[in-house]
N, C-alpha and C. Protein backbone atom coordinates (compact mmCIF):
# COMPACT_ATOMS: atom_id res chain seq x y z
N UNK A 1 41.88 12.78 30.29
CA UNK A 1 41.55 12.10 31.54
C UNK A 1 40.85 13.05 32.50
N UNK A 2 41.07 14.36 32.34
CA UNK A 2 40.38 15.33 33.20
C UNK A 2 38.88 15.29 32.97
N UNK A 3 38.49 15.05 31.72
CA UNK A 3 37.06 14.97 31.40
C UNK A 3 36.44 13.76 32.10
N UNK A 4 37.13 12.62 32.05
CA UNK A 4 36.63 11.40 32.70
C UNK A 4 36.54 11.61 34.21
N UNK A 5 37.59 12.21 34.77
CA UNK A 5 37.60 12.46 36.21
C UNK A 5 36.46 13.41 36.61
N UNK A 6 36.27 14.46 35.84
CA UNK A 6 35.20 15.41 36.14
C UNK A 6 33.83 14.77 36.04
N UNK A 7 33.62 13.97 35.00
CA UNK A 7 32.33 13.28 34.83
C UNK A 7 32.09 12.29 35.97
N UNK A 8 33.13 11.54 36.33
CA UNK A 8 33.01 10.58 37.42
C UNK A 8 32.73 11.29 38.74
N UNK A 9 33.39 12.42 38.97
CA UNK A 9 33.12 13.22 40.18
C UNK A 9 31.66 13.65 40.24
N UNK A 10 31.14 14.14 39.11
CA UNK A 10 29.74 14.59 39.08
C UNK A 10 28.77 13.44 39.32
N UNK A 11 29.00 12.32 38.65
CA UNK A 11 28.11 11.17 38.81
C UNK A 11 28.14 10.66 40.24
N UNK A 12 29.35 10.44 40.77
CA UNK A 12 29.45 9.92 42.14
C UNK A 12 28.91 10.92 43.16
N UNK A 13 29.20 12.20 42.98
CA UNK A 13 28.71 13.21 43.92
C UNK A 13 27.19 13.26 43.94
N UNK A 14 26.58 13.23 42.76
CA UNK A 14 25.12 13.25 42.68
C UNK A 14 24.52 11.98 43.26
N UNK A 15 25.10 10.84 42.92
CA UNK A 15 24.61 9.57 43.43
C UNK A 15 24.74 9.50 44.95
N UNK A 16 25.86 9.95 45.47
CA UNK A 16 26.06 9.93 46.93
C UNK A 16 25.08 10.86 47.64
N UNK A 17 24.83 12.03 47.06
CA UNK A 17 23.86 12.94 47.66
C UNK A 17 22.47 12.31 47.68
N UNK A 18 22.10 11.65 46.58
CA UNK A 18 20.80 10.98 46.53
C UNK A 18 20.70 9.84 47.52
N UNK A 19 21.76 9.04 47.62
CA UNK A 19 21.76 7.93 48.58
C UNK A 19 21.69 8.43 50.02
N UNK A 20 22.42 9.50 50.30
CA UNK A 20 22.37 10.07 51.66
C UNK A 20 20.98 10.62 51.97
N UNK A 21 20.35 11.29 51.01
CA UNK A 21 19.00 11.80 51.22
C UNK A 21 18.03 10.64 51.46
N UNK A 22 18.16 9.57 50.68
CA UNK A 22 17.31 8.40 50.87
C UNK A 22 17.54 7.79 52.25
N UNK A 23 18.80 7.76 52.69
CA UNK A 23 19.10 7.20 54.01
C UNK A 23 18.47 8.04 55.12
N UNK A 24 18.55 9.36 55.00
CA UNK A 24 17.95 10.23 56.01
C UNK A 24 16.44 10.03 56.06
N UNK A 25 15.79 10.01 54.90
CA UNK A 25 14.34 9.80 54.86
C UNK A 25 13.96 8.43 55.40
N UNK A 26 14.74 7.42 55.08
CA UNK A 26 14.48 6.07 55.57
C UNK A 26 14.57 6.01 57.10
N UNK A 27 15.61 6.62 57.65
CA UNK A 27 15.78 6.58 59.11
C UNK A 27 14.69 7.42 59.79
N UNK A 28 14.32 8.55 59.20
CA UNK A 28 13.21 9.34 59.75
C UNK A 28 11.93 8.51 59.76
N UNK A 29 11.66 7.79 58.68
CA UNK A 29 10.49 6.94 58.63
C UNK A 29 10.56 5.85 59.70
N UNK A 30 11.75 5.28 59.86
CA UNK A 30 11.93 4.23 60.86
C UNK A 30 11.64 4.75 62.26
N UNK A 31 12.18 5.90 62.59
CA UNK A 31 11.96 6.48 63.91
C UNK A 31 10.49 6.87 64.08
N UNK A 32 9.90 7.46 63.03
CA UNK A 32 8.50 7.86 63.12
C UNK A 32 7.56 6.69 63.33
N UNK A 33 7.79 5.61 62.58
CA UNK A 33 6.90 4.46 62.74
C UNK A 33 7.10 3.76 64.08
N UNK A 34 8.30 3.80 64.59
CA UNK A 34 8.56 3.12 65.86
C UNK A 34 8.04 3.91 67.05
N UNK A 35 8.34 5.21 67.10
CA UNK A 35 8.03 5.97 68.31
C UNK A 35 6.73 6.78 68.22
N UNK A 36 6.31 7.16 67.05
CA UNK A 36 5.08 7.96 66.92
C UNK A 36 3.89 7.05 66.63
N UNK A 37 4.01 6.20 65.62
CA UNK A 37 2.90 5.32 65.25
C UNK A 37 2.85 4.04 66.08
N UNK A 38 3.93 3.75 66.76
CA UNK A 38 4.05 2.56 67.61
C UNK A 38 3.90 1.23 66.84
N UNK A 39 4.13 1.29 65.55
CA UNK A 39 4.16 0.07 64.72
C UNK A 39 5.40 0.14 63.83
N UNK A 40 6.51 -0.42 64.29
CA UNK A 40 7.76 -0.30 63.55
C UNK A 40 7.66 -0.89 62.14
N UNK A 41 8.27 -0.19 61.21
CA UNK A 41 8.32 -0.66 59.83
C UNK A 41 9.23 -1.87 59.74
N UNK A 42 8.86 -2.81 58.90
CA UNK A 42 9.60 -4.07 58.83
C UNK A 42 10.82 -4.02 57.92
N UNK A 43 10.92 -3.04 57.06
CA UNK A 43 11.97 -3.06 56.05
C UNK A 43 13.03 -1.98 56.23
N UNK A 44 12.79 -0.98 57.07
CA UNK A 44 13.66 0.19 57.11
C UNK A 44 15.07 -0.12 57.62
N UNK A 45 15.20 -1.07 58.53
CA UNK A 45 16.54 -1.40 59.03
C UNK A 45 17.39 -2.00 57.92
N UNK A 46 16.80 -2.85 57.11
CA UNK A 46 17.53 -3.46 56.01
C UNK A 46 17.88 -2.43 54.94
N UNK A 47 16.96 -1.54 54.63
CA UNK A 47 17.23 -0.48 53.65
C UNK A 47 18.37 0.41 54.14
N UNK A 48 18.34 0.78 55.43
CA UNK A 48 19.41 1.61 55.99
C UNK A 48 20.77 0.92 55.89
N UNK A 49 20.79 -0.37 56.16
CA UNK A 49 22.04 -1.13 56.09
C UNK A 49 22.58 -1.15 54.66
N UNK A 50 21.73 -1.41 53.70
CA UNK A 50 22.17 -1.50 52.32
C UNK A 50 22.57 -0.13 51.77
N UNK A 51 21.84 0.90 52.16
CA UNK A 51 22.24 2.25 51.74
C UNK A 51 23.59 2.63 52.33
N UNK A 52 23.83 2.23 53.57
CA UNK A 52 25.12 2.52 54.21
C UNK A 52 26.26 1.81 53.49
N UNK A 53 26.04 0.59 53.04
CA UNK A 53 27.06 -0.14 52.28
C UNK A 53 27.40 0.63 51.00
N UNK A 54 26.37 1.05 50.27
CA UNK A 54 26.59 1.77 49.02
C UNK A 54 27.26 3.12 49.26
N UNK A 55 26.83 3.84 50.28
CA UNK A 55 27.44 5.14 50.59
C UNK A 55 28.90 4.96 51.01
N UNK A 56 29.18 3.94 51.81
CA UNK A 56 30.55 3.69 52.24
C UNK A 56 31.48 3.34 51.09
N UNK A 57 31.04 2.45 50.22
CA UNK A 57 31.89 2.02 49.11
C UNK A 57 32.06 3.13 48.07
N UNK A 58 30.96 3.74 47.64
CA UNK A 58 31.07 4.81 46.65
C UNK A 58 31.72 6.05 47.24
N UNK A 59 31.50 6.29 48.53
CA UNK A 59 32.15 7.42 49.20
C UNK A 59 33.66 7.24 49.26
N UNK A 60 34.11 6.01 49.46
CA UNK A 60 35.55 5.75 49.46
C UNK A 60 36.15 6.02 48.08
N UNK A 61 35.42 5.63 47.04
CA UNK A 61 35.89 5.91 45.68
C UNK A 61 35.93 7.41 45.42
N UNK A 62 34.88 8.11 45.83
CA UNK A 62 34.82 9.56 45.63
C UNK A 62 35.95 10.26 46.39
N UNK A 63 36.21 9.82 47.62
CA UNK A 63 37.30 10.40 48.40
C UNK A 63 38.65 10.13 47.75
N UNK A 64 38.81 8.97 47.15
CA UNK A 64 40.05 8.66 46.43
C UNK A 64 40.25 9.62 45.27
N UNK A 65 39.18 9.87 44.54
CA UNK A 65 39.26 10.79 43.40
C UNK A 65 39.55 12.21 43.81
N UNK A 66 39.04 12.63 44.95
CA UNK A 66 39.25 13.99 45.43
C UNK A 66 40.54 14.12 46.26
N UNK A 67 41.24 13.00 46.38
CA UNK A 67 42.46 12.93 47.20
C UNK A 67 42.19 13.39 48.63
N UNK A 68 41.04 12.96 49.13
CA UNK A 68 40.61 13.31 50.49
C UNK A 68 40.58 12.07 51.38
N UNK A 69 41.13 10.98 50.90
CA UNK A 69 41.12 9.75 51.68
C UNK A 69 42.16 9.81 52.79
N UNK A 70 42.02 8.91 53.72
CA UNK A 70 42.96 8.83 54.83
C UNK A 70 44.34 8.45 54.31
N UNK A 71 45.34 9.20 54.68
CA UNK A 71 46.69 8.91 54.21
C UNK A 71 47.71 9.32 55.27
N UNK A 72 48.77 8.57 55.35
CA UNK A 72 49.91 8.92 56.19
C UNK A 72 51.00 9.41 55.26
N UNK A 73 51.25 10.70 55.28
CA UNK A 73 52.21 11.27 54.34
C UNK A 73 53.48 11.75 55.04
N UNK A 74 53.86 11.07 56.11
CA UNK A 74 55.07 11.46 56.84
C UNK A 74 56.30 11.37 55.94
N UNK A 75 56.41 10.29 55.20
CA UNK A 75 57.57 10.11 54.34
C UNK A 75 57.42 10.91 53.06
N UNK A 76 56.28 10.76 52.38
CA UNK A 76 56.08 11.42 51.09
C UNK A 76 56.13 12.94 51.24
N UNK A 77 55.62 13.46 52.33
CA UNK A 77 55.62 14.90 52.55
C UNK A 77 57.02 15.49 52.66
N UNK A 78 57.98 14.69 53.03
CA UNK A 78 59.36 15.18 53.18
C UNK A 78 60.19 15.01 51.92
N UNK A 79 59.68 14.27 50.97
CA UNK A 79 60.42 14.03 49.74
C UNK A 79 60.24 15.19 48.77
N UNK A 80 61.17 15.32 47.86
CA UNK A 80 61.14 16.38 46.85
C UNK A 80 61.38 15.78 45.47
N UNK A 81 60.91 16.45 44.45
CA UNK A 81 61.23 16.13 43.06
C UNK A 81 60.89 14.73 42.65
N UNK A 82 61.88 14.09 42.04
CA UNK A 82 61.68 12.75 41.48
C UNK A 82 61.37 11.70 42.54
N UNK A 83 61.95 11.83 43.71
CA UNK A 83 61.68 10.86 44.78
C UNK A 83 60.22 10.95 45.23
N UNK A 84 59.69 12.16 45.30
CA UNK A 84 58.29 12.34 45.69
C UNK A 84 57.36 11.77 44.61
N UNK A 85 57.67 12.05 43.35
CA UNK A 85 56.87 11.50 42.26
C UNK A 85 56.91 9.98 42.25
N UNK A 86 58.08 9.41 42.50
CA UNK A 86 58.22 7.96 42.53
C UNK A 86 57.40 7.36 43.68
N UNK A 87 57.44 8.00 44.84
CA UNK A 87 56.67 7.54 45.99
C UNK A 87 55.17 7.61 45.71
N UNK A 88 54.71 8.73 45.16
CA UNK A 88 53.29 8.89 44.85
C UNK A 88 52.87 7.91 43.76
N UNK A 89 53.72 7.68 42.78
CA UNK A 89 53.41 6.72 41.72
C UNK A 89 53.27 5.31 42.29
N UNK A 90 54.18 4.95 43.18
CA UNK A 90 54.12 3.63 43.81
C UNK A 90 52.82 3.47 44.58
N UNK A 91 52.45 4.48 45.35
CA UNK A 91 51.22 4.41 46.15
C UNK A 91 50.00 4.26 45.25
N UNK A 92 49.92 5.08 44.20
CA UNK A 92 48.78 4.98 43.29
C UNK A 92 48.75 3.64 42.56
N UNK A 93 49.92 3.10 42.24
CA UNK A 93 49.98 1.79 41.57
C UNK A 93 49.49 0.68 42.49
N UNK A 94 49.86 0.75 43.77
CA UNK A 94 49.40 -0.26 44.74
C UNK A 94 47.88 -0.15 44.93
N UNK A 95 47.38 1.06 45.06
CA UNK A 95 45.93 1.27 45.20
C UNK A 95 45.22 0.75 43.96
N UNK A 96 45.74 1.04 42.79
CA UNK A 96 45.15 0.57 41.54
C UNK A 96 45.12 -0.95 41.50
N UNK A 97 46.24 -1.59 41.85
CA UNK A 97 46.31 -3.05 41.82
C UNK A 97 45.31 -3.66 42.81
N UNK A 98 45.22 -3.11 44.01
CA UNK A 98 44.26 -3.61 45.00
C UNK A 98 42.83 -3.47 44.49
N UNK A 99 42.51 -2.28 43.99
CA UNK A 99 41.15 -2.04 43.51
C UNK A 99 40.80 -2.95 42.35
N UNK A 100 41.75 -3.14 41.43
CA UNK A 100 41.48 -3.98 40.26
C UNK A 100 41.34 -5.45 40.64
N UNK A 101 42.27 -5.94 41.44
CA UNK A 101 42.27 -7.37 41.77
C UNK A 101 41.21 -7.75 42.80
N UNK A 102 41.19 -7.02 43.91
CA UNK A 102 40.32 -7.40 45.02
C UNK A 102 38.90 -6.88 44.82
N UNK A 103 38.77 -5.58 44.54
CA UNK A 103 37.44 -5.00 44.48
C UNK A 103 36.72 -5.35 43.17
N UNK A 104 37.37 -5.12 42.04
CA UNK A 104 36.72 -5.41 40.76
C UNK A 104 36.70 -6.91 40.51
N UNK A 105 37.85 -7.56 40.62
CA UNK A 105 37.92 -9.00 40.36
C UNK A 105 37.16 -9.82 41.38
N UNK A 106 37.54 -9.69 42.64
CA UNK A 106 36.88 -10.46 43.70
C UNK A 106 35.45 -10.04 43.93
N UNK A 107 35.21 -8.73 43.93
CA UNK A 107 33.85 -8.23 44.11
C UNK A 107 32.94 -8.62 42.96
N UNK A 108 33.48 -8.58 41.75
CA UNK A 108 32.70 -9.00 40.59
C UNK A 108 32.33 -10.47 40.67
N UNK A 109 33.27 -11.27 41.12
CA UNK A 109 33.00 -12.70 41.29
C UNK A 109 31.94 -12.92 42.36
N UNK A 110 32.03 -12.18 43.47
CA UNK A 110 31.05 -12.28 44.53
C UNK A 110 29.65 -11.92 44.02
N UNK A 111 29.56 -10.85 43.25
CA UNK A 111 28.27 -10.45 42.68
C UNK A 111 27.74 -11.55 41.77
N UNK A 112 28.59 -12.08 40.90
CA UNK A 112 28.18 -13.13 39.98
C UNK A 112 27.66 -14.35 40.73
N UNK A 113 28.39 -14.76 41.78
CA UNK A 113 27.96 -15.93 42.56
C UNK A 113 26.61 -15.66 43.22
N UNK A 114 26.44 -14.49 43.81
CA UNK A 114 25.18 -14.19 44.49
C UNK A 114 24.02 -14.08 43.51
N UNK A 115 24.27 -13.49 42.35
CA UNK A 115 23.20 -13.40 41.35
C UNK A 115 22.85 -14.78 40.82
N UNK A 116 23.85 -15.64 40.67
CA UNK A 116 23.62 -17.00 40.19
C UNK A 116 22.84 -17.82 41.21
N UNK A 117 23.24 -17.71 42.48
CA UNK A 117 22.57 -18.48 43.53
C UNK A 117 21.18 -17.92 43.84
N UNK A 118 20.99 -16.64 43.59
CA UNK A 118 19.68 -16.04 43.81
C UNK A 118 19.33 -15.81 45.27
N UNK A 119 20.34 -15.61 46.14
CA UNK A 119 20.06 -15.37 47.55
C UNK A 119 19.30 -14.06 47.70
N UNK A 120 18.22 -14.09 48.47
CA UNK A 120 17.36 -12.91 48.67
C UNK A 120 17.53 -12.38 50.09
N UNK A 121 17.36 -11.06 50.23
CA UNK A 121 17.40 -10.45 51.55
C UNK A 121 16.10 -10.78 52.29
N UNK A 122 16.14 -10.70 53.60
CA UNK A 122 15.01 -11.16 54.42
C UNK A 122 13.77 -10.29 54.25
N UNK A 123 13.88 -8.99 54.41
CA UNK A 123 12.70 -8.13 54.41
C UNK A 123 12.29 -7.67 53.02
N UNK A 124 13.26 -7.30 52.20
CA UNK A 124 12.95 -6.73 50.89
C UNK A 124 12.83 -7.76 49.77
N UNK A 125 13.32 -8.97 50.02
CA UNK A 125 13.38 -10.00 48.99
C UNK A 125 14.17 -9.53 47.77
N UNK A 126 15.22 -8.75 48.04
CA UNK A 126 16.10 -8.20 47.02
C UNK A 126 17.27 -9.17 46.83
N UNK A 127 17.70 -9.40 45.61
CA UNK A 127 18.85 -10.25 45.37
C UNK A 127 20.08 -9.60 46.00
N UNK A 128 20.76 -10.34 46.87
CA UNK A 128 21.90 -9.80 47.62
C UNK A 128 23.04 -9.41 46.68
N UNK A 129 23.11 -10.00 45.52
CA UNK A 129 24.13 -9.63 44.54
C UNK A 129 24.04 -8.17 44.15
N UNK A 130 22.84 -7.61 44.15
CA UNK A 130 22.67 -6.19 43.83
C UNK A 130 23.26 -5.30 44.92
N UNK A 131 23.20 -5.76 46.15
CA UNK A 131 23.80 -5.00 47.26
C UNK A 131 25.32 -5.03 47.11
N UNK A 132 25.86 -6.22 46.81
CA UNK A 132 27.31 -6.38 46.68
C UNK A 132 27.87 -5.71 45.43
N UNK A 133 27.02 -5.31 44.51
CA UNK A 133 27.45 -4.65 43.29
C UNK A 133 28.20 -3.34 43.59
N UNK A 134 28.01 -2.80 44.78
CA UNK A 134 28.72 -1.59 45.18
C UNK A 134 30.23 -1.80 45.20
N UNK A 135 30.68 -3.00 45.52
CA UNK A 135 32.12 -3.27 45.63
C UNK A 135 32.83 -3.16 44.28
N UNK A 136 32.41 -3.90 43.24
CA UNK A 136 33.13 -3.75 41.97
C UNK A 136 32.93 -2.38 41.31
N UNK A 137 31.77 -1.75 41.52
CA UNK A 137 31.57 -0.41 40.96
C UNK A 137 32.52 0.60 41.61
N UNK A 138 32.63 0.55 42.93
CA UNK A 138 33.56 1.44 43.62
C UNK A 138 35.00 1.12 43.22
N UNK A 139 35.32 -0.17 43.08
CA UNK A 139 36.65 -0.56 42.64
C UNK A 139 36.99 -0.02 41.26
N UNK A 140 36.02 -0.08 40.35
CA UNK A 140 36.24 0.45 39.00
C UNK A 140 36.49 1.96 39.04
N UNK A 141 35.75 2.66 39.88
CA UNK A 141 35.96 4.11 40.02
C UNK A 141 37.35 4.40 40.60
N UNK A 142 37.77 3.61 41.58
CA UNK A 142 39.10 3.80 42.17
C UNK A 142 40.18 3.52 41.13
N UNK A 143 39.98 2.50 40.30
CA UNK A 143 40.94 2.21 39.23
C UNK A 143 41.06 3.41 38.29
N UNK A 144 39.93 3.97 37.88
CA UNK A 144 39.97 5.14 37.00
C UNK A 144 40.65 6.33 37.66
N UNK A 145 40.32 6.58 38.91
CA UNK A 145 40.95 7.69 39.62
C UNK A 145 42.46 7.47 39.78
N UNK A 146 42.87 6.25 40.06
CA UNK A 146 44.30 5.95 40.23
C UNK A 146 45.04 6.10 38.91
N UNK A 147 44.42 5.64 37.82
CA UNK A 147 45.03 5.83 36.50
C UNK A 147 45.19 7.32 36.19
N UNK A 148 44.16 8.10 36.48
CA UNK A 148 44.22 9.55 36.24
C UNK A 148 45.34 10.18 37.07
N UNK A 149 45.48 9.77 38.31
CA UNK A 149 46.54 10.31 39.16
C UNK A 149 47.92 9.93 38.65
N UNK A 150 48.07 8.68 38.20
CA UNK A 150 49.35 8.25 37.64
C UNK A 150 49.69 9.04 36.38
N UNK A 151 48.70 9.30 35.54
CA UNK A 151 48.94 10.09 34.33
C UNK A 151 49.30 11.53 34.68
N UNK A 152 48.66 12.09 35.70
CA UNK A 152 49.00 13.45 36.14
C UNK A 152 50.43 13.52 36.65
N UNK A 153 50.84 12.53 37.42
CA UNK A 153 52.22 12.49 37.92
C UNK A 153 53.18 12.39 36.74
N UNK A 154 52.84 11.54 35.79
CA UNK A 154 53.69 11.36 34.61
C UNK A 154 53.81 12.66 33.81
N UNK A 155 52.67 13.34 33.60
CA UNK A 155 52.69 14.61 32.87
C UNK A 155 53.52 15.65 33.62
N UNK A 156 53.42 15.65 34.95
CA UNK A 156 54.22 16.58 35.75
C UNK A 156 55.70 16.30 35.61
N UNK A 157 56.07 15.02 35.56
CA UNK A 157 57.48 14.65 35.39
C UNK A 157 57.96 15.03 34.00
N UNK A 158 57.09 14.84 33.00
CA UNK A 158 57.47 15.21 31.63
C UNK A 158 57.63 16.72 31.51
N UNK A 159 56.78 17.47 32.17
CA UNK A 159 56.86 18.94 32.13
C UNK A 159 58.12 19.43 32.84
N UNK A 160 58.48 18.75 33.95
CA UNK A 160 59.68 19.14 34.69
C UNK A 160 60.94 18.87 33.89
N UNK A 161 60.91 17.81 33.06
CA UNK A 161 62.10 17.43 32.29
C UNK A 161 62.38 18.42 31.18
N UNK A 162 61.36 19.10 30.71
CA UNK A 162 61.56 20.07 29.63
C UNK A 162 61.70 19.39 28.30
N UNK A 163 61.98 20.17 27.26
CA UNK A 163 62.13 19.57 25.93
C UNK A 163 63.38 18.70 25.87
N UNK A 164 63.26 17.62 25.11
CA UNK A 164 64.41 16.73 24.98
C UNK A 164 65.38 17.31 23.97
N UNK A 165 66.64 17.15 24.25
CA UNK A 165 67.64 17.69 23.31
C UNK A 165 67.92 16.64 22.24
N UNK A 166 68.08 17.10 21.04
CA UNK A 166 68.33 16.19 19.93
C UNK A 166 69.82 16.05 19.64
N UNK A 167 70.62 16.77 20.37
CA UNK A 167 72.05 16.71 20.14
C UNK A 167 72.51 17.71 19.09
N UNK A 168 71.57 18.40 18.47
CA UNK A 168 71.92 19.41 17.46
C UNK A 168 71.90 20.78 18.10
N UNK A 169 72.89 21.57 17.78
CA UNK A 169 72.95 22.94 18.32
C UNK A 169 72.80 23.95 17.24
């Protein structure tokens, strides 16, 4: 699972860096055309909005994988041993369930409906389903990261338990 997590980190990190660079260039172009050329570009606001959606969703997944997401650890931080592992396992299981059901399931359905209906964006004439595709993709990444975290917690509990006794001395 470490290999999957590492590969996902690299892919998401590279993709996020590229999306952020595209967003910066897009906004620079928007400002330049508006204030220097005095003829505002017609598509840059929509591109910035869609890039922000993708950066926000994929960034949330990346932060989940790096364990850098917003968390209140008042209770978990005070727990020790098995109670701490149980608390962390519960949290990762809830995050996994939410990501799988709402983001992958619901987001996937939203993408399917939008692609089927063929709704287009105003300036770019881009199918809106492609914009919404960020939700199930980020959800799938969060599911993978949560599974990896649950397996790490499990391996830590197995390592703490030590070898099992067979009853033979």
